[in-house]
PDB file of N, CA and C in Angstrom:
ATOM      1  N   MET A   1     171.849 101.422  88.001  1.00  0.00           N
ATOM      2  CA  MET A   1     170.814 100.567  87.662  1.00  0.00           C
ATOM      3  C   MET A   1     170.616 101.132  86.233  1.00  0.00           C
ATOM      4  N   GLU A   2     169.918 100.251  85.581  1.00  0.00           N
ATOM      5  CA  GLU A   2     169.135 100.605  84.099  1.00  0.00           C
ATOM      6  C   GLU A   2     168.010 100.672  84.131  1.00  0.00           C
ATOM      7  N   GLN A   3     167.547 101.586  83.254  1.00  0.00           N
ATOM      8  CA  GLN A   3     166.061 102.047  82.966  1.00  0.00           C
ATOM      9  C   GLN A   3     165.416 101.277  81.986  1.00  0.00           C
ATOM     10  N   LEU A   4     164.174 100.560  82.408  1.00  0.00           N
ATOM     11  CA  LEU A   4     163.610 100.117  80.977  1.00  0.00           C
ATOM     12  C   LEU A   4     162.496 101.153  80.352  1.00  0.00           C
ATOM     13  N   THR A   5     162.862 101.196  79.302  1.00  0.00           N
ATOM     14  CA  THR A   5     161.841 102.457  78.527  1.00  0.00           C
ATOM     15  C   THR A   5     161.021 101.510  77.380  1.00  0.00           C
ATOM     16  N   LEU A   6     159.851 101.720  77.289  1.00  0.00           N
ATOM     17  CA  LEU A   6     159.040 100.948  76.184  1.00  0.00           C
ATOM     18  C   LEU A   6     158.896 101.862  75.237  1.00  0.00           C
ATOM     19  N   PRO A   7     158.826 101.261  73.563  1.00  0.00           N
ATOM     20  CA  PRO A   7     158.600 102.352  72.942  1.00  0.00           C
ATOM     21  C   PRO A   7     157.116 102.989  73.134  1.00  0.00           C
ATOM     22  N   LEU A   8     157.177 104.177  72.440  1.00  0.00           N
ATOM     23  CA  LEU A   8     155.456 104.802  72.767  1.00  0.00           C
ATOM     24  C   LEU A   8     154.607 103.968  71.982  1.00  0.00           C
ATOM     25  N   GLY A   9     154.756 103.220  71.288  1.00  0.00           N
ATOM     26  CA  GLY A   9     153.925 102.969  70.470  1.00  0.00           C
ATOM     27  C   GLY A   9     153.532 101.530  71.108  1.00  0.00           C
ATOM     28  N   ILE A  10     154.060 100.834  71.560  1.00  0.00           N
ATOM     29  CA  ILE A  10     153.586  99.618  72.783  1.00  0.00           C
ATOM     30  C   ILE A  10     152.682 100.188  73.724  1.00  0.00           C
ATOM     31  N   VAL A  11     153.181 101.314  74.492  1.00  0.00           N
ATOM     32  CA  VAL A  11     152.586 101.820  75.516  1.00  0.00           C
ATOM     33  C   VAL A  11     151.035 102.215  75.135  1.00  0.00           C
ATOM     34  N   LEU A  12     151.112 102.862  74.103  1.00  0.00           N
ATOM     35  CA  LEU A  12     149.777 103.394  73.410  1.00  0.00           C
ATOM     36  C   LEU A  12     148.836 102.311  73.153  1.00  0.00           C
ATOM     37  N   THR A  13     149.177 101.300  72.628  1.00  0.00           N
ATOM     38  CA  THR A  13     148.790 100.024  72.041  1.00  0.00           C
ATOM     39  C   THR A  13     148.113  99.373  73.161  1.00  0.00           C
ATOM     40  N   THR A  14     148.831  99.172  74.206  1.00  0.00           N
ATOM     41  CA  THR A  14     148.446  98.719  75.339  1.00  0.00           C
ATOM     42  C   THR A  14     147.332  99.528  76.108  1.00  0.00           C
ATOM     43  N   ALA A  15     147.560 100.475  76.002  1.00  0.00           N
ATOM     44  CA  ALA A  15     146.646 101.416  76.840  1.00  0.00           C
ATOM     45  C   ALA A  15     145.289 101.665  76.024  1.00  0.00           C
ATOM     46  N   LEU A  16     145.199 101.541  74.523  1.00  0.00           N
ATOM     47  CA  LEU A  16     144.181 101.128  73.932  1.00  0.00           C
ATOM     48  C   LEU A  16     143.567  99.911  74.052  1.00  0.00           C
ATOM     49  N   LEU A  17     144.335  99.019  74.161  1.00  0.00           N
ATOM     50  CA  LEU A  17     143.715  97.758  74.467  1.00  0.00           C
ATOM     51  C   LEU A  17     142.870  97.581  75.709  1.00  0.00           C
ATOM     52  N   VAL A  18     143.464  98.197  76.721  1.00  0.00           N
ATOM     53  CA  VAL A  18     142.985  98.043  78.174  1.00  0.00           C
ATOM     54  C   VAL A  18     141.692  99.109  78.432  1.00  0.00           C
ATOM     55  N   LEU A  19     141.234  99.869  77.216  1.00  0.00           N
ATOM     56  CA  LEU A  19     140.354 101.090  76.955  1.00  0.00           C
ATOM     57  C   LEU A  19     139.489 100.125  76.424  1.00  0.00           C
ATOM     58  N   SER A  20     139.993  99.564  75.562  1.00  0.00           N
ATOM     59  CA  SER A  20     138.564  98.815  74.686  1.00  0.00           C
ATOM     60  C   SER A  20     138.055  97.792  75.475  1.00  0.00           C
ATOM     61  N   ILE A  21     138.844  97.129  76.095  1.00  0.00           N
ATOM     62  CA  ILE A  21     138.358  96.063  77.021  1.00  0.00           C
ATOM     63  C   ILE A  21     137.092  96.646  77.871  1.00  0.00           C
ATOM     64  N   TRP A  22     137.821  97.688  78.835  1.00  0.00           N
ATOM     65  CA  TRP A  22     136.844  98.467  79.514  1.00  0.00           C
ATOM     66  C   TRP A  22     135.601  98.919  79.090  1.00  0.00           C
ATOM     67  N   ILE A  23     135.590  99.624  78.007  1.00  0.00           N
ATOM     68  CA  ILE A  23     134.549 100.033  77.058  1.00  0.00           C
ATOM     69  C   ILE A  23     133.677  98.643  76.689  1.00  0.00           C
ATOM     70  N   VAL A  24     134.239  97.469  76.384  1.00  0.00           N
ATOM     71  CA  VAL A  24     133.159  96.631  76.000  1.00  0.00           C
ATOM     72  C   VAL A  24     132.968  96.161  77.422  1.00  0.00           C
ATOM     73  N   ARG A  25     133.261  96.024  78.791  1.00  0.00           N
ATOM     74  CA  ARG A  25     132.870  95.862  79.900  1.00  0.00           C
ATOM     75  C   ARG A  25     131.542  96.717  80.330  1.00  0.00           C
ATOM     76  N   LEU A  26     131.819  98.068  80.072  1.00  0.00           N
ATOM     77  CA  LEU A  26     130.920  99.094  80.367  1.00  0.00           C
ATOM     78  C   LEU A  26     129.545  98.712  79.403  1.00  0.00           C
ATOM     79  N   ARG A  27     129.857  98.634  78.071  1.00  0.00           N
ATOM     80  CA  ARG A  27     128.656  98.337  77.503  1.00  0.00           C
ATOM     81  C   ARG A  27     127.852  96.934  77.638  1.00  0.00           C
ATOM     82  N   GLN A  28     128.496  95.969  78.281  1.00  0.00           N
ATOM     83  CA  GLN A  28     128.014  95.212  78.615  1.00  0.00           C
ATOM     84  C   GLN A  28     126.786  95.438  79.814  1.00  0.00           C
ATOM     85  N   THR A  29     127.694  96.200  80.764  1.00  0.00           N
ATOM     86  CA  THR A  29     126.885  96.437  82.006  1.00  0.00           C
ATOM     87  C   THR A  29     125.767  97.280  81.710  1.00  0.00           C
ATOM     88  N   VAL A  30     125.956  98.352  80.529  1.00  0.00           N
ATOM     89  CA  VAL A  30     124.601  98.958  80.131  1.00  0.00           C
ATOM     90  C   VAL A  30     123.436  98.099  79.684  1.00  0.00           C
ATOM     91  N   THR A  31     124.123  97.346  79.034  1.00  0.00           N
ATOM     92  CA  THR A  31     122.568  96.262  78.280  1.00  0.00           C
ATOM     93  C   THR A  31     122.414  95.431  79.388  1.00  0.00           C
ATOM     94  N   LEU A  32     122.780  95.041  80.325  1.00  0.00           N
ATOM     95  CA  LEU A  32     122.215  94.536  81.596  1.00  0.00           C
ATOM     96  C   LEU A  32     121.264  95.117  82.209  1.00  0.00           C
ATOM     97  N   LEU A  33     121.851  96.546  82.574  1.00  0.00           N
ATOM     98  CA  LEU A  33     120.835  97.457  83.040  1.00  0.00           C
ATOM     99  C   LEU A  33     119.915  97.847  82.446  1.00  0.00           C
ATOM    100  N   ARG A  34     119.675  98.290  81.395  1.00  0.00           N
ATOM    101  CA  ARG A  34     118.659  98.154  80.282  1.00  0.00           C
ATOM    102  C   ARG A  34     117.893  97.282  80.227  1.00  0.00           C
ATOM    103  N   LYS A  35     118.090  95.598  80.398  1.00  0.00           N
ATOM    104  CA  LYS A  35     117.247  94.740  80.351  1.00  0.00           C
ATOM    105  C   LYS A  35     116.579  94.748  82.001  1.00  0.00           C
ATOM    106  N   GLY A  36     117.451  94.886  82.906  1.00  0.00           N
ATOM    107  CA  GLY A  36     116.960  94.957  84.089  1.00  0.00           C
ATOM    108  C   GLY A  36     115.927  96.234  84.311  1.00  0.00           C
ATOM    109  N   ASN A  37     115.936  97.348  83.448  1.00  0.00           N
ATOM    110  CA  ASN A  37     115.007  98.294  83.949  1.00  0.00           C
ATOM    111  C   ASN A  37     113.579  98.006  83.066  1.00  0.00           C
ATOM    112  N   GLU A  38     114.170  97.208  81.986  1.00  0.00           N
ATOM    113  CA  GLU A  38     112.547  96.922  81.435  1.00  0.00           C
ATOM    114  C   GLU A  38     112.159  95.831  82.333  1.00  0.00           C
ATOM    115  N   GLU A  39     112.684  94.813  82.682  1.00  0.00           N
ATOM    116  CA  GLU A  39     111.915  93.978  83.693  1.00  0.00           C
ATOM    117  C   GLU A  39     111.164  94.654  84.658  1.00  0.00           C
ATOM    118  N   LEU A  40     112.082  95.592  85.378  1.00  0.00           N
ATOM    119  CA  LEU A  40     111.282  96.395  86.397  1.00  0.00           C
ATOM    120  C   LEU A  40     110.083  97.073  85.905  1.00  0.00           C
ATOM    121  N   LEU A  41     110.430  97.762  84.896  1.00  0.00           N
ATOM    122  CA  LEU A  41     109.039  98.563  84.121  1.00  0.00           C
ATOM    123  C   LEU A  41     107.919  97.475  83.833  1.00  0.00           C
ATOM    124  N   ASP A  42     108.165  96.041  83.731  1.00  0.00           N
ATOM    125  CA  ASP A  42     107.034  95.239  82.842  1.00  0.00           C
ATOM    126  C   ASP A  42     106.324  94.706  84.398  1.00  0.00           C
ATOM    127  N   LEU A  43     107.190  94.740  85.520  1.00  0.00           N
ATOM    128  CA  LEU A  43     106.872  94.494  86.816  1.00  0.00           C
ATOM    129  C   LEU A  43     105.955  95.512  87.210  1.00  0.00           C
ATOM    130  N   TYR A  44     106.252  96.449  87.009  1.00  0.00           N
ATOM    131  CA  TYR A  44     105.745  97.702  87.598  1.00  0.00           C
ATOM    132  C   TYR A  44     104.136  97.785  86.739  1.00  0.00           C
ATOM    133  N   ARG A  45     104.176  97.800  85.424  1.00  0.00           N
ATOM    134  CA  ARG A  45     103.050  97.678  84.779  1.00  0.00           C
ATOM    135  C   ARG A  45     101.882  96.466  84.980  1.00  0.00           C
ATOM    136  N   THR A  46     102.704  95.588  85.305  1.00  0.00           N
ATOM    137  CA  THR A  46     102.007  94.253  85.860  1.00  0.00           C
ATOM    138  C   THR A  46     101.256  94.537  86.895  1.00  0.00           C
ATOM    139  N   THR A  47     101.860  94.788  88.108  1.00  0.00           N
ATOM    140  CA  THR A  47     101.494  95.570  89.384  1.00  0.00           C
ATOM    141  C   THR A  47     100.416  96.501  89.275  1.00  0.00           C
ATOM    142  N   VAL A  48     100.465  97.444  88.439  1.00  0.00           N
ATOM    143  CA  VAL A  48      99.505  98.548  88.454  1.00  0.00           C
ATOM    144  C   VAL A  48      98.069  97.857  87.614  1.00  0.00           C
ATOM    145  N   LYS A  49      98.264  96.964  86.649  1.00  0.00           N
ATOM    146  CA  LYS A  49      97.462  96.493  86.130  1.00  0.00           C
ATOM    147  C   LYS A  49      96.222  95.639  86.969  1.00  0.00           C
ATOM    148  N   THR A  50      97.092  94.894  87.816  1.00  0.00           N
ATOM    149  CA  THR A  50      96.518  94.016  88.766  1.00  0.00           C
ATOM    150  C   THR A  50      95.649  94.961  89.871  1.00  0.00           C
ATOM    151  N   GLN A  51      96.575  95.820  90.307  1.00  0.00           N
ATOM    152  CA  GLN A  51      95.897  96.612  91.314  1.00  0.00           C
ATOM    153  C   GLN A  51      94.660  97.496  90.939  1.00  0.00           C
ATOM    154  N   GLN A  52      94.563  97.657  89.536  1.00  0.00           N
ATOM    155  CA  GLN A  52      93.396  98.334  88.833  1.00  0.00           C
ATOM    156  C   GLN A  52      92.340  97.430  88.811  1.00  0.00           C
ATOM    157  N   LEU A  53      92.834  95.994  88.197  1.00  0.00           N
ATOM    158  CA  LEU A  53      91.747  94.908  88.223  1.00  0.00           C
ATOM    159  C   LEU A  53      90.990  94.616  89.853  1.00  0.00           C
ATOM    160  N   THR A  54      92.106  94.732  90.335  1.00  0.00           N
ATOM    161  CA  THR A  54      91.632  94.307  92.167  1.00  0.00           C
ATOM    162  C   THR A  54      90.328  95.489  92.366  1.00  0.00           C
ATOM    163  N   TYR A  55      91.053  96.703  92.310  1.00  0.00           N
ATOM    164  CA  TYR A  55      89.942  97.876  92.901  1.00  0.00           C
ATOM    165  C   TYR A  55      88.824  97.780  91.905  1.00  0.00           C
ATOM    166  N   GLN A  56      88.894  97.471  90.425  1.00  0.00           N
ATOM    167  CA  GLN A  56      87.453  97.202  89.798  1.00  0.00           C
ATOM    168  C   GLN A  56      86.407  96.101  90.514  1.00  0.00           C
ATOM    169  N   ASP A  57      87.305  95.125  90.754  1.00  0.00           N
ATOM    170  CA  ASP A  57      86.635  94.197  91.365  1.00  0.00           C
ATOM    171  C   ASP A  57      85.984  94.298  92.447  1.00  0.00           C
ATOM    172  N   SER A  58      86.580  95.254  93.225  1.00  0.00           N
ATOM    173  CA  SER A  58      86.158  95.522  94.384  1.00  0.00           C
ATOM    174  C   SER A  58      85.185  96.472  94.505  1.00  0.00           C
ATOM    175  N   GLN A  59      85.085  97.378  93.485  1.00  0.00           N
ATOM    176  CA  GLN A  59      84.176  98.492  93.468  1.00  0.00           C
ATOM    177  C   GLN A  59      82.609  97.525  92.706  1.00  0.00           C
ATOM    178  N   LEU A  60      82.935  96.497  91.817  1.00  0.00           N
ATOM    179  CA  LEU A  60      81.768  95.811  91.590  1.00  0.00           C
ATOM    180  C   LEU A  60      81.278  95.011  92.724  1.00  0.00           C
ATOM    181  N   HIS A  61      82.026  94.618  93.517  1.00  0.00           N
ATOM    182  CA  HIS A  61      81.202  93.741  94.637  1.00  0.00           C
ATOM    183  C   HIS A  61      80.558  94.613  95.476  1.00  0.00           C
ATOM    184  N   GLN A  62      81.248  95.562  95.637  1.00  0.00           N
ATOM    185  CA  GLN A  62      80.486  96.771  96.709  1.00  0.00           C
ATOM    186  C   GLN A  62      79.133  97.250  96.053  1.00  0.00           C
ATOM    187  N   TYR A  63      79.223  97.576  94.905  1.00  0.00           N
ATOM    188  CA  TYR A  63      77.832  97.697  93.870  1.00  0.00           C
ATOM    189  C   TYR A  63      77.063  96.754  94.168  1.00  0.00           C
ATOM    190  N   GLU A  64      77.379  95.511  93.915  1.00  0.00           N
ATOM    191  CA  GLU A  64      76.157  94.187  94.279  1.00  0.00           C
ATOM    192  C   GLU A  64      76.046  94.036  95.342  1.00  0.00           C
ATOM    193  N   GLN A  65      76.768  94.102  96.100  1.00  0.00           N
ATOM    194  CA  GLN A  65      76.142  94.170  97.755  1.00  0.00           C
ATOM    195  C   GLN A  65      75.314  95.388  98.219  1.00  0.00           C
ATOM    196  N   TYR A  66      75.532  96.623  97.459  1.00  0.00           N
ATOM    197  CA  TYR A  66      74.557  97.642  97.449  1.00  0.00           C
ATOM    198  C   TYR A  66      73.256  97.497  96.905  1.00  0.00           C
ATOM    199  N   GLN A  67      73.679  96.995  96.023  1.00  0.00           N
ATOM    200  CA  GLN A  67      72.349  96.263  95.450  1.00  0.00           C
ATOM    201  C   GLN A  67      71.456  95.248  96.088  1.00  0.00           C
ATOM    202  N   LEU A  68      72.004  94.391  96.614  1.00  0.00           N
ATOM    203  CA  LEU A  68      71.244  93.645  97.093  1.00  0.00           C
ATOM    204  C   LEU A  68      70.702  94.018  98.565  1.00  0.00           C
ATOM    205  N   ILE A  69      71.227  95.121  99.460  1.00  0.00           N
ATOM    206  CA  ILE A  69      70.599  95.681 100.353  1.00  0.00           C
ATOM    207  C   ILE A  69      69.721  96.680 100.079  1.00  0.00           C
ATOM    208  N   LEU A  70      69.402  97.351  98.648  1.00  0.00           N
ATOM    209  CA  LEU A  70      68.485  97.825  98.475  1.00  0.00           C
ATOM    210  C   LEU A  70      67.153  96.925  98.147  1.00  0.00           C
ATOM    211  N   ALA A  71      67.586  95.981  97.492  1.00  0.00           N
ATOM    212  CA  ALA A  71      66.653  94.816  97.276  1.00  0.00           C
ATOM    213  C   ALA A  71      66.098  94.359  98.566  1.00  0.00           C
ATOM    214  N   SER A  72      66.893  94.204  99.614  1.00  0.00           N
ATOM    215  CA  SER A  72      66.360  93.445 100.833  1.00  0.00           C
ATOM    216  C   SER A  72      65.564  94.606 101.462  1.00  0.00           C
ATOM    217  N   GLN A  73      65.697  95.707 101.414  1.00  0.00           N
ATOM    218  CA  GLN A  73      64.845  96.900 101.810  1.00  0.00           C
ATOM    219  C   GLN A  73      63.604  96.985 101.411  1.00  0.00           C
ATOM    220  N   ASP A  74      63.684  96.675  99.921  1.00  0.00           N
ATOM    221  CA  ASP A  74      62.523  96.935  99.422  1.00  0.00           C
ATOM    222  C   ASP A  74      61.198  95.718  99.660  1.00  0.00           C
ATOM    223  N   THR A  75      62.300  94.531 100.008  1.00  0.00           N
ATOM    224  CA  THR A  75      61.267  93.378 100.517  1.00  0.00           C
ATOM    225  C   THR A  75      60.774  93.338 101.713  1.00  0.00           C
ATOM    226  N   ILE A  76      61.792  93.965 102.839  1.00  0.00           N
ATOM    227  CA  ILE A  76      61.335  94.248 104.043  1.00  0.00           C
ATOM    228  C   ILE A  76      60.092  95.082 104.006  1.00  0.00           C
ATOM    229  N   GLY A  77      60.275  96.393 103.482  1.00  0.00           N
ATOM    230  CA  GLY A  77      59.173  96.984 103.015  1.00  0.00           C
ATOM    231  C   GLY A  77      57.776  96.599 102.785  1.00  0.00           C
ATOM    232  N   GLU A  78      57.828  95.841 101.465  1.00  0.00           N
ATOM    233  CA  GLU A  78      56.803  95.031 100.933  1.00  0.00           C
ATOM    234  C   GLU A  78      56.163  94.050 102.208  1.00  0.00           C
ATOM    235  N   LYS A  79      56.898  93.286 102.919  1.00  0.00           N
ATOM    236  CA  LYS A  79      56.594  92.576 104.043  1.00  0.00           C
ATOM    237  C   LYS A  79      55.823  93.412 105.028  1.00  0.00           C
ATOM    238  N   ASN A  80      56.696  94.142 105.716  1.00  0.00           N
ATOM    239  CA  ASN A  80      55.930  95.259 106.452  1.00  0.00           C
ATOM    240  C   ASN A  80      54.653  95.527 106.430  1.00  0.00           C
ATOM    241  N   ALA A  81      54.541  96.051 105.088  1.00  0.00           N
ATOM    242  CA  ALA A  81      53.081  96.493 104.303  1.00  0.00           C
ATOM    243  C   ALA A  81      52.003  95.557 104.449  1.00  0.00           C
ATOM    244  N   ARG A  82      52.511  94.255 104.031  1.00  0.00           N
ATOM    245  CA  ARG A  82      51.297  93.117 103.831  1.00  0.00           C
ATOM    246  C   ARG A  82      51.132  92.970 105.546  1.00  0.00           C
ATOM    247  N   ILE A  83      52.206  92.922 106.538  1.00  0.00           N
ATOM    248  CA  ILE A  83      51.833  92.462 107.722  1.00  0.00           C
ATOM    249  C   ILE A  83      50.634  93.800 108.130  1.00  0.00           C
ATOM    250  N   ALA A  84      50.959  95.059 107.896  1.00  0.00           N
ATOM    251  CA  ALA A  84      50.180  95.873 108.520  1.00  0.00           C
ATOM    252  C   ALA A  84      48.562  95.436 107.502  1.00  0.00           C
ATOM    253  N   GLU A  85      48.357  95.165 106.444  1.00  0.00           N
ATOM    254  CA  GLU A  85      47.096  94.894 105.732  1.00  0.00           C
ATOM    255  C   GLU A  85      46.751  93.744 106.498  1.00  0.00           C
ATOM    256  N   LEU A  86      47.256  92.909 107.059  1.00  0.00           N
ATOM    257  CA  LEU A  86      46.870  91.208 107.337  1.00  0.00           C
ATOM    258  C   LEU A  86      46.643  91.831 108.783  1.00  0.00           C
ATOM    259  N   THR A  87      47.113  92.751 109.806  1.00  0.00           N
ATOM    260  CA  THR A  87      46.675  92.851 111.060  1.00  0.00           C
ATOM    261  C   THR A  87      45.685  94.073 110.936  1.00  0.00           C
ATOM    262  N   ALA A  88      45.353  94.625 110.036  1.00  0.00           N
ATOM    263  CA  ALA A  88      44.146  95.250 109.668  1.00  0.00           C
ATOM    264  C   ALA A  88      42.954  94.388 109.448  1.00  0.00           C
ATOM    265  N   SER A  89      43.170  93.615 108.515  1.00  0.00           N
ATOM    266  CA  SER A  89      42.140  92.383 108.225  1.00  0.00           C
ATOM    267  C   SER A  89      41.499  91.762 109.653  1.00  0.00           C
ATOM    268  N   LEU A  90      42.989  91.320 110.262  1.00  0.00           N
ATOM    269  CA  LEU A  90      42.487  90.276 111.143  1.00  0.00           C
ATOM    270  C   LEU A  90      41.597  91.457 112.373  1.00  0.00           C
ATOM    271  N   GLY A  91      42.054  92.457 112.438  1.00  0.00           N
ATOM    272  CA  GLY A  91      41.375  93.308 113.516  1.00  0.00           C
ATOM    273  C   GLY A  91      39.902  93.435 113.013  1.00  0.00           C
ATOM    274  N   ALA A  92      39.656  93.867 111.786  1.00  0.00           N
ATOM    275  CA  ALA A  92      38.334  93.881 111.160  1.00  0.00           C
ATOM    276  C   ALA A  92      37.489  92.901 111.176  1.00  0.00           C
ATOM    277  N   ALA A  93      38.296  91.304 110.943  1.00  0.00           N
ATOM    278  CA  ALA A  93      37.418  90.096 111.519  1.00  0.00           C
ATOM    279  C   ALA A  93      37.195  89.976 112.540  1.00  0.00           C
ATOM    280  N   LYS A  94      38.101  90.404 113.575  1.00  0.00           N
ATOM    281  CA  LYS A  94      37.559  90.168 115.143  1.00  0.00           C
ATOM    282  C   LYS A  94      36.567  91.238 115.468  1.00  0.00           C
ATOM    283  N   ARG A  95      36.169  92.288 114.769  1.00  0.00           N
ATOM    284  CA  ARG A  95      35.350  93.246 115.239  1.00  0.00           C
ATOM    285  C   ARG A  95      33.987  92.560 114.627  1.00  0.00           C
ATOM    286  N   LEU A  96      34.031  91.830 113.496  1.00  0.00           N
ATOM    287  CA  LEU A  96      32.770  91.464 112.787  1.00  0.00           C
ATOM    288  C   LEU A  96      32.321  90.012 113.685  1.00  0.00           C
ATOM    289  N   HIS A  97      33.435  89.552 114.090  1.00  0.00           N
ATOM    290  CA  HIS A  97      32.939  88.126 114.546  1.00  0.00           C
ATOM    291  C   HIS A  97      32.358  88.409 116.123  1.00  0.00           C
ATOM    292  N   SER A  98      32.988  89.436 116.629  1.00  0.00           N
ATOM    293  CA  SER A  98      32.196  89.978 118.209  1.00  0.00           C
ATOM    294  C   SER A  98      31.401  90.504 118.150  1.00  0.00           C
ATOM    295  N   ASN A  99      30.741  91.101 117.081  1.00  0.00           N
ATOM    296  CA  ASN A  99      29.290  91.681 116.618  1.00  0.00           C
ATOM    297  C   ASN A  99      28.462  91.217 116.725  1.00  0.00           C
TER     298      ASN A  99
END
């Protein structure tokens, strides 16, 4: 049986070619991964910004509702005071009328 031997130059050239192809593919993979990482980072930033805006809107809405409640309480207090005044006036008028 005859052994086939290749010259060392051909073996090394083939190995370098295979390694070069492998390196090119790795670089392409790294480029795709970096692009994906940038897209994920952009998505994360957008999500955080949206969450912050939603929180700020919620806080503003809560503050507005609180202000409305305070205004309503003031109005109710004023109405109660006016009712007390009218009740007192009515009582005084009844006493004057009955005398």
